[in-house]
């Protein structure tokens, strides 16, 4: 588990903004419940890990109020 600053990756950031955005849009249309609040209950171990990770780390965008 990481604590503190997450090292920025330009390659991953660009991928998330382009391919990732398209992939999520397609999944939202095809998969019922995808991206909906409360779906973490299907994978409780992963949901707990993600919640702790996002509360204990911060990235470059968090420093400047970018989401």
PDB file of N, CA and C in Angstrom:
ATOM      1  N   UNK A   1       0.852  -1.180   0.000  1.00  0.00           N
ATOM      2  CA  UNK A   1       0.000   0.000   0.000  1.00  0.00           C
ATOM      3  C   UNK A   1       0.895   1.240   0.000  1.00  0.00           C
ATOM      4  N   UNK A   2       0.542   2.199  -0.821  1.00  0.00           N
ATOM      5  CA  UNK A   2       1.335   3.425  -0.900  1.00  0.00           C
ATOM      6  C   UNK A   2       0.787   4.491   0.044  1.00  0.00           C
ATOM      7  N   UNK A   3       1.678   5.366   0.498  1.00  0.00           N
ATOM      8  CA  UNK A   3       1.308   6.522   1.297  1.00  0.00           C
ATOM      9  C   UNK A   3       2.022   7.726   0.717  1.00  0.00           C
ATOM     10  N   UNK A   4       1.349   8.852   0.640  1.00  0.00           N
ATOM     11  CA  UNK A   4       1.999  10.067   0.172  1.00  0.00           C
ATOM     12  C   UNK A   4       1.782  10.337  -1.301  1.00  0.00           C
ATOM     13  N   UNK A   5       2.798  10.941  -1.921  1.00  0.00           N
ATOM     14  CA  UNK A   5       2.702  11.416  -3.300  1.00  0.00           C
ATOM     15  C   UNK A   5       2.807  10.284  -4.319  1.00  0.00           C
ATOM     16  N   UNK A   6       1.883  10.271  -5.295  1.00  0.00           N
ATOM     17  CA  UNK A   6       1.955   9.310  -6.401  1.00  0.00           C
ATOM     18  C   UNK A   6       2.777   9.938  -7.511  1.00  0.00           C
ATOM     19  N   UNK A   7       3.738   9.196  -8.047  1.00  0.00           N
ATOM     20  CA  UNK A   7       4.604   9.710  -9.104  1.00  0.00           C
ATOM     21  C   UNK A   7       3.809   9.852 -10.399  1.00  0.00           C
ATOM     22  N   UNK A   8       3.794  11.045 -11.001  1.00  0.00           N
ATOM     23  CA  UNK A   8       3.005  11.233 -12.219  1.00  0.00           C
ATOM     24  C   UNK A   8       3.608  10.499 -13.422  1.00  0.00           C
ATOM     25  N   UNK A   9       2.738  10.003 -14.291  1.00  0.00           N
ATOM     26  CA  UNK A   9       3.158   9.338 -15.513  1.00  0.00           C
ATOM     27  C   UNK A   9       2.402   9.977 -16.674  1.00  0.00           C
ATOM     28  N   UNK A  10       3.114  10.661 -17.542  1.00  0.00           N
ATOM     29  CA  UNK A  10       2.495  11.338 -18.690  1.00  0.00           C
ATOM     30  C   UNK A  10       1.809  10.322 -19.592  1.00  0.00           C
ATOM     31  N   UNK A  11       2.467   9.179 -19.826  1.00  0.00           N
ATOM     32  CA  UNK A  11       1.924   8.140 -20.700  1.00  0.00           C
ATOM     33  C   UNK A  11       0.584   7.615 -20.183  1.00  0.00           C
ATOM     34  N   UNK A  12       0.511   7.297 -18.897  1.00  0.00           N
ATOM     35  CA  UNK A  12      -0.730   6.781 -18.315  1.00  0.00           C
ATOM     36  C   UNK A  12      -1.810   7.849 -18.264  1.00  0.00           C
ATOM     37  N   UNK A  13      -1.401   9.078 -17.999  1.00  0.00           N
ATOM     38  CA  UNK A  13      -2.359  10.174 -17.934  1.00  0.00           C
ATOM     39  C   UNK A  13      -3.009  10.392 -19.297  1.00  0.00           C
ATOM     40  N   UNK A  14      -2.215  10.387 -20.345  1.00  0.00           N
ATOM     41  CA  UNK A  14      -2.728  10.562 -21.708  1.00  0.00           C
ATOM     42  C   UNK A  14      -3.640   9.404 -22.095  1.00  0.00           C
ATOM     43  N   UNK A  15      -3.259   8.184 -21.716  1.00  0.00           N
ATOM     44  CA  UNK A  15      -4.069   7.003 -22.010  1.00  0.00           C
ATOM     45  C   UNK A  15      -5.425   7.080 -21.317  1.00  0.00           C
ATOM     46  N   UNK A  16      -5.428   7.528 -20.071  1.00  0.00           N
ATOM     47  CA  UNK A  16      -6.679   7.628 -19.312  1.00  0.00           C
ATOM     48  C   UNK A  16      -7.613   8.661 -19.925  1.00  0.00           C
ATOM     49  N   UNK A  17      -7.052   9.725 -20.501  1.00  0.00           N
ATOM     50  CA  UNK A  17      -7.882  10.786 -21.066  1.00  0.00           C
ATOM     51  C   UNK A  17      -8.419  10.428 -22.450  1.00  0.00           C
ATOM     52  N   UNK A  18      -7.758   9.546 -23.174  1.00  0.00           N
ATOM     53  CA  UNK A  18      -8.184   9.230 -24.541  1.00  0.00           C
ATOM     54  C   UNK A  18      -8.840   7.857 -24.622  1.00  0.00           C
ATOM     55  N   UNK A  19      -8.039   6.813 -24.639  1.00  0.00           N
ATOM     56  CA  UNK A  19      -8.572   5.457 -24.767  1.00  0.00           C
ATOM     57  C   UNK A  19      -9.463   5.104 -23.588  1.00  0.00           C
ATOM     58  N   UNK A  20      -9.046   5.464 -22.376  1.00  0.00           N
ATOM     59  CA  UNK A  20      -9.817   5.141 -21.186  1.00  0.00           C
ATOM     60  C   UNK A  20     -11.201   5.768 -21.208  1.00  0.00           C
ATOM     61  N   UNK A  21     -11.268   6.998 -21.686  1.00  0.00           N
ATOM     62  CA  UNK A  21     -12.542   7.712 -21.741  1.00  0.00           C
ATOM     63  C   UNK A  21     -13.512   7.018 -22.690  1.00  0.00           C
ATOM     64  N   UNK A  22     -13.007   6.591 -23.828  1.00  0.00           N
ATOM     65  CA  UNK A  22     -13.838   5.885 -24.817  1.00  0.00           C
ATOM     66  C   UNK A  22     -14.270   4.526 -24.274  1.00  0.00           C
ATOM     67  N   UNK A  23     -13.329   3.805 -23.675  1.00  0.00           N
ATOM     68  CA  UNK A  23     -13.628   2.482 -23.119  1.00  0.00           C
ATOM     69  C   UNK A  23     -14.717   2.568 -22.056  1.00  0.00           C
ATOM     70  N   UNK A  24     -14.603   3.553 -21.151  1.00  0.00           N
ATOM     71  CA  UNK A  24     -15.611   3.716 -20.101  1.00  0.00           C
ATOM     72  C   UNK A  24     -16.971   4.063 -20.677  1.00  0.00           C
ATOM     73  N   UNK A  25     -17.000   4.898 -21.707  1.00  0.00           N
ATOM     74  CA  UNK A  25     -18.270   5.278 -22.332  1.00  0.00           C
ATOM     75  C   UNK A  25     -18.965   4.057 -22.929  1.00  0.00           C
ATOM     76  N   UNK A  26     -18.201   3.201 -23.604  1.00  0.00           N
ATOM     77  CA  UNK A  26     -18.758   1.988 -24.214  1.00  0.00           C
ATOM     78  C   UNK A  26     -19.266   1.048 -23.131  1.00  0.00           C
ATOM     79  N   UNK A  27     -18.458   0.845 -22.076  1.00  0.00           N
ATOM     80  CA  UNK A  27     -18.865  -0.050 -20.993  1.00  0.00           C
ATOM     81  C   UNK A  27     -20.137   0.449 -20.312  1.00  0.00           C
ATOM     82  N   UNK A  28     -20.253   1.778 -20.137  1.00  0.00           N
ATOM     83  CA  UNK A  28     -21.443   2.344 -19.500  1.00  0.00           C
ATOM     84  C   UNK A  28     -22.696   2.014 -20.289  1.00  0.00           C
ATOM     85  N   UNK A  29     -22.565   1.961 -21.617  1.00  0.00           N
ATOM     86  CA  UNK A  29     -23.709   1.659 -22.469  1.00  0.00           C
ATOM     87  C   UNK A  29     -24.062   0.170 -22.461  1.00  0.00           C
ATOM     88  N   UNK A  30     -23.056  -0.697 -22.382  1.00  0.00           N
ATOM     89  CA  UNK A  30     -23.268  -2.129 -22.547  1.00  0.00           C
ATOM     90  C   UNK A  30     -23.456  -2.908 -21.247  1.00  0.00           C
ATOM     91  N   UNK A  31     -22.740  -2.517 -20.187  1.00  0.00           N
ATOM     92  CA  UNK A  31     -22.737  -3.291 -18.951  1.00  0.00           C
ATOM     93  C   UNK A  31     -23.676  -2.642 -17.933  1.00  0.00           C
ATOM     94  N   UNK A  32     -24.720  -3.343 -17.534  1.00  0.00           N
ATOM     95  CA  UNK A  32     -25.635  -2.761 -16.545  1.00  0.00           C
ATOM     96  C   UNK A  32     -24.932  -2.609 -15.193  1.00  0.00           C
ATOM     97  N   UNK A  33     -25.039  -1.436 -14.608  1.00  0.00           N
ATOM     98  CA  UNK A  33     -24.433  -1.193 -13.306  1.00  0.00           C
ATOM     99  C   UNK A  33     -23.000  -0.712 -13.357  1.00  0.00           C
ATOM    100  N   UNK A  34     -22.389  -0.649 -14.540  1.00  0.00           N
ATOM    101  CA  UNK A  34     -20.993  -0.212 -14.638  1.00  0.00           C
ATOM    102  C   UNK A  34     -20.875   1.264 -14.263  1.00  0.00           C
ATOM    103  N   UNK A  35     -19.990   1.556 -13.338  1.00  0.00           N
ATOM    104  CA  UNK A  35     -19.747   2.938 -12.938  1.00  0.00           C
ATOM    105  C   UNK A  35     -20.780   3.511 -12.000  1.00  0.00           C
ATOM    106  N   UNK A  36     -21.689   2.697 -11.524  1.00  0.00           N
ATOM    107  CA  UNK A  36     -22.723   3.170 -10.610  1.00  0.00           C
ATOM    108  C   UNK A  36     -22.228   3.095  -9.174  1.00  0.00           C
ATOM    109  N   UNK A  37     -22.717   3.988  -8.353  1.00  0.00           N
ATOM    110  CA  UNK A  37     -22.343   4.017  -6.943  1.00  0.00           C
ATOM    111  C   UNK A  37     -22.829   2.737  -6.252  1.00  0.00           C
ATOM    112  N   UNK A  38     -21.976   2.170  -5.407  1.00  0.00           N
ATOM    113  CA  UNK A  38     -22.348   0.989  -4.650  1.00  0.00           C
ATOM    114  C   UNK A  38     -21.955  -0.320  -5.303  1.00  0.00           C
ATOM    115  N   UNK A  39     -21.356  -0.289  -6.485  1.00  0.00           N
ATOM    116  CA  UNK A  39     -20.971  -1.524  -7.158  1.00  0.00           C
ATOM    117  C   UNK A  39     -19.757  -2.171  -6.504  1.00  0.00           C
ATOM    118  N   UNK A  40     -19.093  -1.443  -5.593  1.00  0.00           N
ATOM    119  CA  UNK A  40     -17.953  -2.003  -4.879  1.00  0.00           C
ATOM    120  C   UNK A  40     -18.359  -3.156  -3.977  1.00  0.00           C
ATOM    121  N   UNK A  41     -19.633  -3.249  -3.679  1.00  0.00           N
ATOM    122  CA  UNK A  41     -20.123  -4.328  -2.818  1.00  0.00           C
ATOM    123  C   UNK A  41     -19.921  -5.691  -3.474  1.00  0.00           C
ATOM    124  N   UNK A  42     -19.799  -5.707  -4.797  1.00  0.00           N
ATOM    125  CA  UNK A  42     -19.573  -6.969  -5.502  1.00  0.00           C
ATOM    126  C   UNK A  42     -18.159  -7.488  -5.264  1.00  0.00           C
ATOM    127  N   UNK A  43     -17.218  -6.577  -5.012  1.00  0.00           N
ATOM    128  CA  UNK A  43     -15.819  -6.924  -4.754  1.00  0.00           C
ATOM    129  C   UNK A  43     -15.372  -6.177  -3.502  1.00  0.00           C
ATOM    130  N   UNK A  44     -15.792  -6.624  -2.328  1.00  0.00           N
ATOM    131  CA  UNK A  44     -15.535  -5.863  -1.102  1.00  0.00           C
ATOM    132  C   UNK A  44     -14.061  -5.671  -0.776  1.00  0.00           C
ATOM    133  N   UNK A  45     -13.230  -6.663  -1.072  1.00  0.00           N
ATOM    134  CA  UNK A  45     -11.803  -6.558  -0.765  1.00  0.00           C
ATOM    135  C   UNK A  45     -11.168  -5.439  -1.596  1.00  0.00           C
ATOM    136  N   UNK A  46     -11.527  -5.399  -2.882  1.00  0.00           N
ATOM    137  CA  UNK A  46     -11.007  -4.372  -3.779  1.00  0.00           C
ATOM    138  C   UNK A  46     -11.553  -2.993  -3.406  1.00  0.00           C
ATOM    139  N   UNK A  47     -12.824  -2.937  -2.997  1.00  0.00           N
ATOM    140  CA  UNK A  47     -13.448  -1.668  -2.611  1.00  0.00           C
ATOM    141  C   UNK A  47     -12.749  -1.065  -1.394  1.00  0.00           C
ATOM    142  N   UNK A  48     -12.426  -1.894  -0.408  1.00  0.00           N
ATOM    143  CA  UNK A  48     -11.737  -1.415   0.798  1.00  0.00           C
ATOM    144  C   UNK A  48     -10.337  -0.930   0.432  1.00  0.00           C
ATOM    145  N   UNK A  49      -9.617  -1.699  -0.380  1.00  0.00           N
ATOM    146  CA  UNK A  49      -8.265  -1.315  -0.800  1.00  0.00           C
ATOM    147  C   UNK A  49      -8.289   0.042  -1.506  1.00  0.00           C
ATOM    148  N   UNK A  50      -9.216   0.203  -2.455  1.00  0.00           N
ATOM    149  CA  UNK A  50      -9.291   1.449  -3.218  1.00  0.00           C
ATOM    150  C   UNK A  50      -9.640   2.640  -2.331  1.00  0.00           C
ATOM    151  N   UNK A  51     -10.531   2.441  -1.382  1.00  0.00           N
ATOM    152  CA  UNK A  51     -10.931   3.526  -0.482  1.00  0.00           C
ATOM    153  C   UNK A  51      -9.740   3.996   0.351  1.00  0.00           C
ATOM    154  N   UNK A  52      -8.987   3.044   0.916  1.00  0.00           N
ATOM    155  CA  UNK A  52      -7.812   3.388   1.717  1.00  0.00           C
ATOM    156  C   UNK A  52      -6.754   4.043   0.838  1.00  0.00           C
ATOM    157  N   UNK A  53      -6.508   3.497  -0.336  1.00  0.00           N
ATOM    158  CA  UNK A  53      -5.492   4.031  -1.247  1.00  0.00           C
ATOM    159  C   UNK A  53      -5.778   5.488  -1.609  1.00  0.00           C
ATOM    160  N   UNK A  54      -7.024   5.785  -1.952  1.00  0.00           N
ATOM    161  CA  UNK A  54      -7.372   7.143  -2.367  1.00  0.00           C
ATOM    162  C   UNK A  54      -7.364   8.128  -1.208  1.00  0.00           C
ATOM    163  N   UNK A  55      -7.510   7.640   0.020  1.00  0.00           N
ATOM    164  CA  UNK A  55      -7.463   8.526   1.178  1.00  0.00           C
ATOM    165  C   UNK A  55      -6.038   8.761   1.669  1.00  0.00           C
ATOM    166  N   UNK A  56      -5.099   7.865   1.352  1.00  0.00           N
ATOM    167  CA  UNK A  56      -3.742   7.978   1.885  1.00  0.00           C
ATOM    168  C   UNK A  56      -2.724   8.478   0.866  1.00  0.00           C
ATOM    169  N   UNK A  57      -3.118   8.636  -0.390  1.00  0.00           N
ATOM    170  CA  UNK A  57      -2.179   9.127  -1.389  1.00  0.00           C
ATOM    171  C   UNK A  57      -2.752  10.377  -2.057  1.00  0.00           C
ATOM    172  N   UNK A  58      -1.868  11.109  -2.730  1.00  0.00           N
ATOM    173  CA  UNK A  58      -2.315  12.266  -3.488  1.00  0.00           C
ATOM    174  C   UNK A  58      -1.430  12.384  -4.716  1.00  0.00           C
ATOM    175  N   UNK A  59      -1.970  12.961  -5.766  1.00  0.00           N
ATOM    176  CA  UNK A  59      -1.242  13.085  -7.019  1.00  0.00           C
ATOM    177  C   UNK A  59      -0.987  14.529  -7.381  1.00  0.00           C
ATOM    178  N   UNK A  60      -0.396  14.723  -8.517  1.00  0.00           N
ATOM    179  CA  UNK A  60      -0.039  16.047  -9.007  1.00  0.00           C
ATOM    180  C   UNK A  60      -1.278  16.926  -9.162  1.00  0.00           C
ATOM    181  N   UNK A  61      -2.351  16.360  -9.694  1.00  0.00           N
ATOM    182  CA  UNK A  61      -3.598  17.106  -9.883  1.00  0.00           C
ATOM    183  C   UNK A  61      -4.228  17.536  -8.566  1.00  0.00           C
ATOM    184  N   UNK A  62      -4.051  16.729  -7.528  1.00  0.00           N
ATOM    185  CA  UNK A  62      -4.618  17.073  -6.224  1.00  0.00           C
ATOM    186  C   UNK A  62      -3.954  18.305  -5.621  1.00  0.00           C
ATOM    187  N   UNK A  63      -2.698  18.528  -5.962  1.00  0.00           N
ATOM    188  CA  UNK A  63      -1.984  19.669  -5.421  1.00  0.00           C
ATOM    189  C   UNK A  63      -2.529  20.992  -5.953  1.00  0.00           C
ATOM    190  N   UNK A  64      -3.054  20.975  -7.174  1.00  0.00           N
ATOM    191  CA  UNK A  64      -3.519  22.190  -7.806  1.00  0.00           C
ATOM    192  C   UNK A  64      -5.017  22.228  -8.003  1.00  0.00           C
ATOM    193  N   UNK A  65      -5.750  21.362  -7.327  1.00  0.00           N
ATOM    194  CA  UNK A  65      -7.208  21.372  -7.371  1.00  0.00           C
ATOM    195  C   UNK A  65      -7.811  20.800  -8.630  1.00  0.00           C
ATOM    196  N   UNK A  66      -7.002  20.179  -9.476  1.00  0.00           N
ATOM    197  CA  UNK A  66      -7.500  19.546 -10.713  1.00  0.00           C
ATOM    198  C   UNK A  66      -7.994  18.165 -10.373  1.00  0.00           C
ATOM    199  N   UNK A  67      -9.141  17.763 -10.904  1.00  0.00           N
ATOM    200  CA  UNK A  67      -9.675  16.446 -10.588  1.00  0.00           C
ATOM    201  C   UNK A  67      -9.561  15.484 -11.705  1.00  0.00           C
TER     202      UNK A  67
END
